[in-house]
Amino acid sequence: MAIERGKRKARVGIVVSDKMDKTIVVKVDRLVKHPVYKKYIKRRVTCKAHDEQNLCGVGDKVLITETRPLSRDKRWRVREILEKNVIV
């Protein structure tokens, strides 16, 4: 029986680079409400994620989940590919 180690963050993003071996760079967008003007602002962050079989390509929509540090920059792992090649 597997022991659950707390809640892990999950994010949906678009792959912007797959040039590294077993690693992809994912762009994650989120909308944040401005504290004064109450309009939504788009905030963007890029994460490096582990892709064991090198299945992801540029433009794919992926679900990534938080994990232990795998390297100096990698703290995310690809859970599943939601759509193939969103950007043509």
PDB file of N, CA and C in Angstrom:
ATOM      1  N   MET A   1       0.842  -1.173   0.000  1.00  0.00           N
ATOM      2  CA  MET A   1       0.000   0.000   0.000  1.00  0.00           C
ATOM      3  C   MET A   1       0.893   1.244   0.000  1.00  0.00           C
ATOM      4  N   ALA A   2       0.642   2.130  -0.976  1.00  0.00           N
ATOM      5  CA  ALA A   2       1.462   3.335  -1.114  1.00  0.00           C
ATOM      6  C   ALA A   2       1.062   4.371  -0.074  1.00  0.00           C
ATOM      7  N   ILE A   3       2.055   5.045   0.461  1.00  0.00           N
ATOM      8  CA  ILE A   3       1.812   6.087   1.448  1.00  0.00           C
ATOM      9  C   ILE A   3       1.747   7.427   0.721  1.00  0.00           C
ATOM     10  N   GLU A   4       0.646   8.151   0.929  1.00  0.00           N
ATOM     11  CA  GLU A   4       0.496   9.475   0.319  1.00  0.00           C
ATOM     12  C   GLU A   4       1.338  10.478   1.097  1.00  0.00           C
ATOM     13  N   ARG A   5       2.193  11.238   0.389  1.00  0.00           N
ATOM     14  CA  ARG A   5       3.097  12.174   1.042  1.00  0.00           C
ATOM     15  C   ARG A   5       2.605  13.614   0.916  1.00  0.00           C
ATOM     16  N   GLY A   6       1.334  13.843   1.154  1.00  0.00           N
ATOM     17  CA  GLY A   6       0.808  15.204   1.079  1.00  0.00           C
ATOM     18  C   GLY A   6       0.353  15.556  -0.320  1.00  0.00           C
ATOM     19  N   LYS A   7      -0.227  16.730  -0.436  1.00  0.00           N
ATOM     20  CA  LYS A   7      -0.739  17.193  -1.728  1.00  0.00           C
ATOM     21  C   LYS A   7       0.404  17.715  -2.574  1.00  0.00           C
ATOM     22  N   ARG A   8       0.405  17.310  -3.836  1.00  0.00           N
ATOM     23  CA  ARG A   8       1.410  17.798  -4.770  1.00  0.00           C
ATOM     24  C   ARG A   8       0.744  18.719  -5.772  1.00  0.00           C
ATOM     25  N   LYS A   9       1.413  19.801  -6.110  1.00  0.00           N
ATOM     26  CA  LYS A   9       0.871  20.758  -7.061  1.00  0.00           C
ATOM     27  C   LYS A   9       0.842  20.144  -8.451  1.00  0.00           C
ATOM     28  N   ALA A  10      -0.171  20.502  -9.219  1.00  0.00           N
ATOM     29  CA  ALA A  10      -0.266  20.079 -10.618  1.00  0.00           C
ATOM     30  C   ALA A  10      -0.562  21.311 -11.456  1.00  0.00           C
ATOM     31  N   ARG A  11       0.076  21.436 -12.593  1.00  0.00           N
ATOM     32  CA  ARG A  11      -0.103  22.582 -13.474  1.00  0.00           C
ATOM     33  C   ARG A  11      -0.297  22.096 -14.907  1.00  0.00           C
ATOM     34  N   VAL A  12      -1.044  22.869 -15.681  1.00  0.00           N
ATOM     35  CA  VAL A  12      -1.226  22.590 -17.112  1.00  0.00           C
ATOM     36  C   VAL A  12      -0.480  23.673 -17.877  1.00  0.00           C
ATOM     37  N   GLY A  13       0.325  23.261 -18.853  1.00  0.00           N
ATOM     38  CA  GLY A  13       1.103  24.235 -19.612  1.00  0.00           C
ATOM     39  C   GLY A  13       1.411  23.743 -21.015  1.00  0.00           C
ATOM     40  N   ILE A  14       2.096  24.597 -21.772  1.00  0.00           N
ATOM     41  CA  ILE A  14       2.472  24.325 -23.154  1.00  0.00           C
ATOM     42  C   ILE A  14       3.985  24.117 -23.215  1.00  0.00           C
ATOM     43  N   VAL A  15       4.415  23.084 -23.940  1.00  0.00           N
ATOM     44  CA  VAL A  15       5.843  22.798 -24.093  1.00  0.00           C
ATOM     45  C   VAL A  15       6.451  23.826 -25.049  1.00  0.00           C
ATOM     46  N   VAL A  16       7.503  24.519 -24.594  1.00  0.00           N
ATOM     47  CA  VAL A  16       8.174  25.510 -25.438  1.00  0.00           C
ATOM     48  C   VAL A  16       9.535  25.019 -25.929  1.00  0.00           C
ATOM     49  N   SER A  17      10.092  23.977 -25.292  1.00  0.00           N
ATOM     50  CA  SER A  17      11.376  23.440 -25.742  1.00  0.00           C
ATOM     51  C   SER A  17      11.468  21.961 -25.369  1.00  0.00           C
ATOM     52  N   ASP A  18      12.000  21.161 -26.312  1.00  0.00           N
ATOM     53  CA  ASP A  18      12.242  19.740 -26.037  1.00  0.00           C
ATOM     54  C   ASP A  18      13.639  19.333 -26.497  1.00  0.00           C
ATOM     55  N   LYS A  19      14.571  20.282 -26.517  1.00  0.00           N
ATOM     56  CA  LYS A  19      15.906  20.038 -27.057  1.00  0.00           C
ATOM     57  C   LYS A  19      16.795  19.215 -26.128  1.00  0.00           C
ATOM     58  N   MET A  20      16.473  19.182 -24.829  1.00  0.00           N
ATOM     59  CA  MET A  20      17.285  18.420 -23.882  1.00  0.00           C
ATOM     60  C   MET A  20      16.825  16.967 -23.834  1.00  0.00           C
ATOM     61  N   ASP A  21      17.708  16.091 -23.384  1.00  0.00           N
ATOM     62  CA  ASP A  21      17.373  14.683 -23.266  1.00  0.00           C
ATOM     63  C   ASP A  21      16.575  14.455 -21.984  1.00  0.00           C
ATOM     64  N   LYS A  22      15.370  13.885 -22.118  1.00  0.00           N
ATOM     65  CA  LYS A  22      14.471  13.558 -21.008  1.00  0.00           C
ATOM     66  C   LYS A  22      14.013  14.780 -20.209  1.00  0.00           C
ATOM     67  N   THR A  23      14.119  15.972 -20.793  1.00  0.00           N
ATOM     68  CA  THR A  23      13.705  17.194 -20.122  1.00  0.00           C
ATOM     69  C   THR A  23      12.964  18.084 -21.109  1.00  0.00           C
ATOM     70  N   ILE A  24      11.862  18.691 -20.646  1.00  0.00           N
ATOM     71  CA  ILE A  24      11.144  19.662 -21.459  1.00  0.00           C
ATOM     72  C   ILE A  24      10.995  20.945 -20.653  1.00  0.00           C
ATOM     73  N   VAL A  25      10.805  22.059 -21.360  1.00  0.00           N
ATOM     74  CA  VAL A  25      10.525  23.333 -20.725  1.00  0.00           C
ATOM     75  C   VAL A  25       9.058  23.647 -20.978  1.00  0.00           C
ATOM     76  N   VAL A  26       8.308  23.891 -19.901  1.00  0.00           N
ATOM     77  CA  VAL A  26       6.868  24.097 -19.987  1.00  0.00           C
ATOM     78  C   VAL A  26       6.537  25.519 -19.554  1.00  0.00           C
ATOM     79  N   LYS A  27       5.718  26.211 -20.373  1.00  0.00           N
ATOM     80  CA  LYS A  27       5.252  27.551 -20.049  1.00  0.00           C
ATOM     81  C   LYS A  27       3.880  27.429 -19.406  1.00  0.00           C
ATOM     82  N   VAL A  28       3.754  27.943 -18.172  1.00  0.00           N
ATOM     83  CA  VAL A  28       2.492  27.868 -17.433  1.00  0.00           C
ATOM     84  C   VAL A  28       1.946  29.288 -17.280  1.00  0.00           C
ATOM     85  N   ASP A  29       0.734  29.537 -17.797  1.00  0.00           N
ATOM     86  CA  ASP A  29       0.083  30.835 -17.671  1.00  0.00           C
ATOM     87  C   ASP A  29      -0.966  30.779 -16.579  1.00  0.00           C
ATOM     88  N   ARG A  30      -1.142  31.902 -15.867  1.00  0.00           N
ATOM     89  CA  ARG A  30      -2.214  31.998 -14.893  1.00  0.00           C
ATOM     90  C   ARG A  30      -2.729  33.424 -14.878  1.00  0.00           C
ATOM     91  N   LEU A  31      -3.992  33.599 -14.494  1.00  0.00           N
ATOM     92  CA  LEU A  31      -4.598  34.918 -14.425  1.00  0.00           C
ATOM     93  C   LEU A  31      -4.647  35.366 -12.970  1.00  0.00           C
ATOM     94  N   VAL A  32      -4.173  36.593 -12.719  1.00  0.00           N
ATOM     95  CA  VAL A  32      -4.143  37.152 -11.384  1.00  0.00           C
ATOM     96  C   VAL A  32      -4.916  38.461 -11.407  1.00  0.00           C
ATOM     97  N   LYS A  33      -5.794  38.658 -10.425  1.00  0.00           N
ATOM     98  CA  LYS A  33      -6.561  39.903 -10.350  1.00  0.00           C
ATOM     99  C   LYS A  33      -5.697  41.014  -9.768  1.00  0.00           C
ATOM    100  N   HIS A  34      -5.685  42.173 -10.455  1.00  0.00           N
ATOM    101  CA  HIS A  34      -4.917  43.321  -9.981  1.00  0.00           C
ATOM    102  C   HIS A  34      -5.539  43.847  -8.686  1.00  0.00           C
ATOM    103  N   PRO A  35      -4.717  44.122  -7.653  1.00  0.00           N
ATOM    104  CA  PRO A  35      -5.282  44.504  -6.357  1.00  0.00           C
ATOM    105  C   PRO A  35      -6.044  45.834  -6.363  1.00  0.00           C
ATOM    106  N   VAL A  36      -5.652  46.766  -7.213  1.00  0.00           N
ATOM    107  CA  VAL A  36      -6.302  48.079  -7.239  1.00  0.00           C
ATOM    108  C   VAL A  36      -7.352  48.161  -8.338  1.00  0.00           C
ATOM    109  N   TYR A  37      -6.977  47.766  -9.588  1.00  0.00           N
ATOM    110  CA  TYR A  37      -7.846  47.972 -10.738  1.00  0.00           C
ATOM    111  C   TYR A  37      -8.799  46.817 -11.004  1.00  0.00           C
ATOM    112  N   LYS A  38      -8.628  45.690 -10.304  1.00  0.00           N
ATOM    113  CA  LYS A  38      -9.532  44.541 -10.372  1.00  0.00           C
ATOM    114  C   LYS A  38      -9.618  43.906 -11.753  1.00  0.00           C
ATOM    115  N   LYS A  39      -8.667  44.204 -12.620  1.00  0.00           N
ATOM    116  CA  LYS A  39      -8.622  43.544 -13.919  1.00  0.00           C
ATOM    117  C   LYS A  39      -7.671  42.352 -13.823  1.00  0.00           C
ATOM    118  N   TYR A  40      -7.862  41.383 -14.700  1.00  0.00           N
ATOM    119  CA  TYR A  40      -7.025  40.188 -14.678  1.00  0.00           C
ATOM    120  C   TYR A  40      -5.782  40.399 -15.527  1.00  0.00           C
ATOM    121  N   ILE A  41      -4.641  40.032 -14.957  1.00  0.00           N
ATOM    122  CA  ILE A  41      -3.346  40.146 -15.615  1.00  0.00           C
ATOM    123  C   ILE A  41      -2.815  38.738 -15.852  1.00  0.00           C
ATOM    124  N   LYS A  42      -2.237  38.515 -17.020  1.00  0.00           N
ATOM    125  CA  LYS A  42      -1.669  37.207 -17.332  1.00  0.00           C
ATOM    126  C   LYS A  42      -0.242  37.133 -16.796  1.00  0.00           C
ATOM    127  N   ARG A  43       0.021  36.157 -15.938  1.00  0.00           N
ATOM    128  CA  ARG A  43       1.359  35.914 -15.395  1.00  0.00           C
ATOM    129  C   ARG A  43       1.866  34.600 -15.983  1.00  0.00           C
ATOM    130  N   ARG A  44       3.155  34.559 -16.274  1.00  0.00           N
ATOM    131  CA  ARG A  44       3.741  33.393 -16.940  1.00  0.00           C
ATOM    132  C   ARG A  44       4.983  32.948 -16.188  1.00  0.00           C
ATOM    133  N   VAL A  45       5.156  31.627 -16.085  1.00  0.00           N
ATOM    134  CA  VAL A  45       6.356  31.070 -15.473  1.00  0.00           C
ATOM    135  C   VAL A  45       6.769  29.859 -16.318  1.00  0.00           C
ATOM    136  N   THR A  46       8.083  29.614 -16.416  1.00  0.00           N
ATOM    137  CA  THR A  46       8.557  28.436 -17.142  1.00  0.00           C
ATOM    138  C   THR A  46       9.148  27.457 -16.142  1.00  0.00           C
ATOM    139  N   CYS A  47       8.847  26.181 -16.349  1.00  0.00           N
ATOM    140  CA  CYS A  47       9.338  25.111 -15.475  1.00  0.00           C
ATOM    141  C   CYS A  47      10.029  24.066 -16.338  1.00  0.00           C
ATOM    142  N   LYS A  48      11.063  23.445 -15.789  1.00  0.00           N
ATOM    143  CA  LYS A  48      11.675  22.295 -16.444  1.00  0.00           C
ATOM    144  C   LYS A  48      11.057  21.042 -15.856  1.00  0.00           C
ATOM    145  N   ALA A  49      10.624  20.140 -16.729  1.00  0.00           N
ATOM    146  CA  ALA A  49       9.936  18.933 -16.281  1.00  0.00           C
ATOM    147  C   ALA A  49      10.609  17.700 -16.870  1.00  0.00           C
ATOM    148  N   HIS A  50      10.544  16.604 -16.124  1.00  0.00           N
ATOM    149  CA  HIS A  50      11.149  15.340 -16.529  1.00  0.00           C
ATOM    150  C   HIS A  50      10.196  14.583 -17.444  1.00  0.00           C
ATOM    151  N   ASP A  51      10.700  14.201 -18.630  1.00  0.00           N
ATOM    152  CA  ASP A  51       9.927  13.455 -19.630  1.00  0.00           C
ATOM    153  C   ASP A  51      10.708  12.171 -19.930  1.00  0.00           C
ATOM    154  N   GLU A  52      10.366  11.091 -19.246  1.00  0.00           N
ATOM    155  CA  GLU A  52      11.174   9.866 -19.267  1.00  0.00           C
ATOM    156  C   GLU A  52      11.332   9.268 -20.659  1.00  0.00           C
ATOM    157  N   GLN A  53      10.244   9.191 -21.461  1.00  0.00           N
ATOM    158  CA  GLN A  53      10.321   8.550 -22.779  1.00  0.00           C
ATOM    159  C   GLN A  53      10.546   9.521 -23.933  1.00  0.00           C
ATOM    160  N   ASN A  54      10.785  10.798 -23.643  1.00  0.00           N
ATOM    161  CA  ASN A  54      10.935  11.823 -24.688  1.00  0.00           C
ATOM    162  C   ASN A  54       9.739  11.841 -25.638  1.00  0.00           C
ATOM    163  N   LEU A  55       8.521  11.762 -25.110  1.00  0.00           N
ATOM    164  CA  LEU A  55       7.309  11.737 -25.931  1.00  0.00           C
ATOM    165  C   LEU A  55       6.794  13.126 -26.271  1.00  0.00           C
ATOM    166  N   CYS A  56       7.103  14.125 -25.461  1.00  0.00           N
ATOM    167  CA  CYS A  56       6.552  15.466 -25.654  1.00  0.00           C
ATOM    168  C   CYS A  56       7.304  16.211 -26.745  1.00  0.00           C
ATOM    169  N   GLY A  57       6.553  17.010 -27.504  1.00  0.00           N
ATOM    170  CA  GLY A  57       7.137  17.865 -28.527  1.00  0.00           C
ATOM    171  C   GLY A  57       6.720  19.300 -28.283  1.00  0.00           C
ATOM    172  N   VAL A  58       7.331  20.222 -29.020  1.00  0.00           N
ATOM    173  CA  VAL A  58       7.009  21.640 -28.877  1.00  0.00           C
ATOM    174  C   VAL A  58       5.549  21.865 -29.260  1.00  0.00           C
ATOM    175  N   GLY A  59       4.821  22.587 -28.415  1.00  0.00           N
ATOM    176  CA  GLY A  59       3.417  22.889 -28.685  1.00  0.00           C
ATOM    177  C   GLY A  59       2.442  21.944 -28.021  1.00  0.00           C
ATOM    178  N   ASP A  60       2.918  20.884 -27.385  1.00  0.00           N
ATOM    179  CA  ASP A  60       2.013  19.949 -26.709  1.00  0.00           C
ATOM    180  C   ASP A  60       1.492  20.576 -25.415  1.00  0.00           C
ATOM    181  N   LYS A  61       0.236  20.267 -25.093  1.00  0.00           N
ATOM    182  CA  LYS A  61      -0.356  20.695 -23.828  1.00  0.00           C
ATOM    183  C   LYS A  61      -0.184  19.543 -22.848  1.00  0.00           C
ATOM    184  N   VAL A  62       0.501  19.796 -21.721  1.00  0.00           N
ATOM    185  CA  VAL A  62       0.848  18.725 -20.789  1.00  0.00           C
ATOM    186  C   VAL A  62       0.398  19.062 -19.377  1.00  0.00           C
ATOM    187  N   LEU A  63       0.196  18.019 -18.589  1.00  0.00           N
ATOM    188  CA  LEU A  63      -0.079  18.141 -17.167  1.00  0.00           C
ATOM    189  C   LEU A  63       1.192  17.739 -16.436  1.00  0.00           C
ATOM    190  N   ILE A  64       1.745  18.674 -15.630  1.00  0.00           N
ATOM    191  CA  ILE A  64       2.960  18.375 -14.881  1.00  0.00           C
ATOM    192  C   ILE A  64       2.627  18.378 -13.392  1.00  0.00           C
ATOM    193  N   THR A  65       3.364  17.580 -12.641  1.00  0.00           N
ATOM    194  CA  THR A  65       3.134  17.483 -11.207  1.00  0.00           C
ATOM    195  C   THR A  65       4.452  17.697 -10.466  1.00  0.00           C
ATOM    196  N   GLU A  66       4.341  18.240  -9.277  1.00  0.00           N
ATOM    197  CA  GLU A  66       5.497  18.539  -8.444  1.00  0.00           C
ATOM    198  C   GLU A  66       6.136  17.243  -7.949  1.00  0.00           C
ATOM    199  N   THR A  67       7.459  17.241  -7.831  1.00  0.00           N
ATOM    200  CA  THR A  67       8.170  16.053  -7.366  1.00  0.00           C
ATOM    201  C   THR A  67       9.426  16.493  -6.617  1.00  0.00           C
ATOM    202  N   ARG A  68      10.182  15.544  -6.132  1.00  0.00           N
ATOM    203  CA  ARG A  68      11.432  15.861  -5.456  1.00  0.00           C
ATOM    204  C   ARG A  68      12.409  16.445  -6.480  1.00  0.00           C
ATOM    205  N   PRO A  69      13.445  17.151  -6.032  1.00  0.00           N
ATOM    206  CA  PRO A  69      14.417  17.696  -6.983  1.00  0.00           C
ATOM    207  C   PRO A  69      15.122  16.575  -7.755  1.00  0.00           C
ATOM    208  N   LEU A  70      15.045  16.658  -9.078  1.00  0.00           N
ATOM    209  CA  LEU A  70      15.682  15.655  -9.935  1.00  0.00           C
ATOM    210  C   LEU A  70      17.038  16.136 -10.449  1.00  0.00           C
ATOM    211  N   SER A  71      17.210  17.441 -10.517  1.00  0.00           N
ATOM    212  CA  SER A  71      18.492  18.028 -10.892  1.00  0.00           C
ATOM    213  C   SER A  71      18.523  19.435 -10.303  1.00  0.00           C
ATOM    214  N   ARG A  72      19.464  20.247 -10.766  1.00  0.00           N
ATOM    215  CA  ARG A  72      19.576  21.598 -10.222  1.00  0.00           C
ATOM    216  C   ARG A  72      18.326  22.428 -10.504  1.00  0.00           C
ATOM    217  N   ASP A  73      17.710  22.242 -11.671  1.00  0.00           N
ATOM    218  CA  ASP A  73      16.556  23.049 -12.080  1.00  0.00           C
ATOM    219  C   ASP A  73      15.236  22.277 -12.090  1.00  0.00           C
ATOM    220  N   LYS A  74      15.280  20.954 -12.183  1.00  0.00           N
ATOM    221  CA  LYS A  74      14.059  20.162 -12.389  1.00  0.00           C
ATOM    222  C   LYS A  74      13.385  19.784 -11.082  1.00  0.00           C
ATOM    223  N   ARG A  75      12.140  20.252 -10.929  1.00  0.00           N
ATOM    224  CA  ARG A  75      11.322  19.879  -9.770  1.00  0.00           C
ATOM    225  C   ARG A  75       9.939  19.410 -10.195  1.00  0.00           C
ATOM    226  N   TRP A  76       9.740  19.164 -11.475  1.00  0.00           N
ATOM    227  CA  TRP A  76       8.437  18.768 -12.017  1.00  0.00           C
ATOM    228  C   TRP A  76       8.597  17.525 -12.872  1.00  0.00           C
ATOM    229  N   ARG A  77       7.500  16.779 -13.020  1.00  0.00           N
ATOM    230  CA  ARG A  77       7.479  15.550 -13.804  1.00  0.00           C
ATOM    231  C   ARG A  77       6.230  15.566 -14.682  1.00  0.00           C
ATOM    232  N   VAL A  78       6.334  15.081 -15.899  1.00  0.00           N
ATOM    233  CA  VAL A  78       5.170  15.028 -16.795  1.00  0.00           C
ATOM    234  C   VAL A  78       4.258  13.894 -16.340  1.00  0.00           C
ATOM    235  N   ARG A  79       3.005  14.235 -16.037  1.00  0.00           N
ATOM    236  CA  ARG A  79       2.041  13.207 -15.649  1.00  0.00           C
ATOM    237  C   ARG A  79       1.328  12.657 -16.882  1.00  0.00           C
ATOM    238  N   GLU A  80       0.854  13.555 -17.782  1.00  0.00           N
ATOM    239  CA  GLU A  80       0.226  13.088 -19.017  1.00  0.00           C
ATOM    240  C   GLU A  80       0.240  14.185 -20.064  1.00  0.00           C
ATOM    241  N   ILE A  81       0.125  13.753 -21.318  1.00  0.00           N
ATOM    242  CA  ILE A  81       0.016  14.675 -22.442  1.00  0.00           C
ATOM    243  C   ILE A  81      -1.472  14.846 -22.730  1.00  0.00           C
ATOM    244  N   LEU A  82      -1.965  16.086 -22.605  1.00  0.00           N
ATOM    245  CA  LEU A  82      -3.387  16.342 -22.787  1.00  0.00           C
ATOM    246  C   LEU A  82      -3.744  16.523 -24.258  1.00  0.00           C
ATOM    247  N   GLU A  83      -2.927  17.273 -24.995  1.00  0.00           N
ATOM    248  CA  GLU A  83      -3.144  17.486 -26.439  1.00  0.00           C
ATOM    249  C   GLU A  83      -1.789  17.485 -27.124  1.00  0.00           C
ATOM    250  N   LYS A  84      -1.752  16.932 -28.324  1.00  0.00           N
ATOM    251  CA  LYS A  84      -0.509  16.934 -29.101  1.00  0.00           C
ATOM    252  C   LYS A  84      -0.483  18.149 -30.008  1.00  0.00           C
ATOM    253  N   ASN A  85       0.636  18.871 -30.003  1.00  0.00           N
ATOM    254  CA  ASN A  85       0.933  19.967 -30.914  1.00  0.00           C
ATOM    255  C   ASN A  85      -0.187  20.993 -31.035  1.00  0.00           C
ATOM    256  N   VAL A  86      -0.425  21.750 -29.970  1.00  0.00           N
ATOM    257  CA  VAL A  86      -1.443  22.808 -29.964  1.00  0.00           C
ATOM    258  C   VAL A  86      -1.022  23.932 -30.900  1.00  0.00           C
ATOM    259  N   ILE A  87       0.253  24.340 -30.854  1.00  0.00           N
ATOM    260  CA  ILE A  87       0.784  25.392 -31.705  1.00  0.00           C
ATOM    261  C   ILE A  87       1.358  24.755 -32.965  1.00  0.00           C
ATOM    262  N   VAL A  88       0.945  25.243 -34.121  1.00  0.00           N
ATOM    263  CA  VAL A  88       1.425  24.670 -35.386  1.00  0.00           C
ATOM    264  C   VAL A  88       2.528  25.520 -35.955  1.00  0.00           C
TER     265      VAL A  88
END
